[in-house]
Protein backbone atom coordinates (compact mmCIF):
# COMPACT_ATOMS: atom_id res chain seq x y z
CA MET A 1 -9.90 6.17 6.74
CA ILE A 2 -8.15 3.71 4.36
CA LYS A 3 -5.70 1.23 5.59
CA CYS A 4 -3.12 -0.13 3.46
CA HIS A 5 -1.91 -3.70 4.20
CA LEU A 6 1.25 -3.41 2.03
CA SER A 7 3.54 -3.95 5.10
CA ARG A 8 1.59 -7.04 6.19
CA ILE A 9 1.72 -8.55 2.72
CA LEU A 10 5.52 -7.91 2.19
CA GLY A 11 6.25 -9.18 5.50
CA GLU A 12 4.28 -12.49 5.09
CA ARG A 13 6.05 -12.91 1.69
CA LYS A 14 9.50 -11.58 3.14
CA GLN A 15 10.01 -9.42 0.50
CA LYS A 16 11.49 -5.74 0.55
CA ILE A 17 10.48 -2.39 -0.81
CA ALA A 18 13.60 -2.32 -2.83
CA GLU A 19 12.85 -5.58 -4.50
CA VAL A 20 9.25 -4.58 -5.45
CA SER A 21 10.49 -1.38 -6.77
CA ARG A 22 13.08 -2.94 -8.92
CA GLU A 23 10.85 -5.42 -10.31
CA THR A 24 7.78 -3.11 -10.82
CA GLY A 25 9.25 0.26 -11.68
CA ILE A 26 7.18 1.85 -8.94
CA ASN A 27 9.00 4.66 -7.10
CA ARG A 28 10.59 3.54 -3.79
CA ASN A 29 9.30 6.69 -2.23
CA THR A 30 5.66 5.77 -3.21
CA LEU A 31 6.14 2.15 -1.98
CA HIS A 32 7.61 3.48 1.33
CA ARG A 33 4.68 5.86 1.77
CA LEU A 34 2.32 3.04 1.06
CA TYR A 35 4.24 0.73 3.48
CA ASN A 36 4.14 3.29 6.29
CA GLU A 37 0.43 4.24 5.66
CA THR A 38 1.55 8.05 5.10
CA ALA A 39 0.28 8.13 1.57
CA THR A 40 -2.20 10.74 0.73
CA ARG A 41 -2.91 9.71 -2.80
CA VAL A 42 -1.87 7.02 -5.25
CA GLU A 43 -2.09 6.83 -8.99
CA LEU A 44 -4.42 4.16 -10.12
CA ASP A 45 -1.73 2.61 -12.59
CA VAL A 46 0.46 2.27 -9.44
CA ILE A 47 -2.42 0.37 -7.68
CA GLU A 48 -3.01 -1.66 -10.49
CA GLN A 49 0.77 -2.68 -11.07
CA LEU A 50 1.33 -3.43 -7.47
CA CYS A 51 -1.95 -5.69 -7.28
CA ARG A 52 -0.88 -7.42 -10.58
CA TYR A 53 2.78 -7.96 -9.24
CA LEU A 54 1.52 -9.30 -5.76
CA GLU A 55 -1.23 -11.21 -7.34
CA ILE A 56 -3.75 -9.79 -5.07
CA GLU A 57 -7.20 -7.96 -5.42
CA VAL A 58 -7.58 -4.09 -4.51
CA GLY A 59 -9.56 -5.18 -1.59
CA GLU A 60 -6.70 -7.24 -0.32
CA LEU A 61 -4.44 -4.20 -0.40
CA PHE A 62 -6.75 -1.44 0.85
CA GLU A 63 -9.25 -1.59 3.52
CA ILE A 64 -11.88 1.16 4.69
CA LYS A 65 -11.67 1.39 8.49
CA GLU A 66 -13.86 3.61 10.70
CA ALA A 67 -12.02 6.57 11.93
CA ASP A 68 -11.35 6.77 15.67
CA LYS A 69 -13.73 9.16 17.48
CA GLU A 70 -10.99 11.32 18.39
CA ASP A 71 -9.89 11.55 14.77
CA THR A 72 -13.20 13.16 13.79
CA THR A 73 -12.01 16.70 14.65
CA LYS A 74 -9.51 16.61 11.78
């Protein structure tokens, strides 16, 4: 399972999804899905744009976590 740290990063920086969307041109719905970890796919150019805007590496935005044993049936 891939965990997205966008909510933590924006929280630490006191930034809002609307501000990031306005300054990057990334669709608010895309950012909202990343923020709430409901995104099932993300375009590479969106990831690149977000990382450049936040001045972070991809590994700081995303992390691979082991799935819970209960989730292995999905």
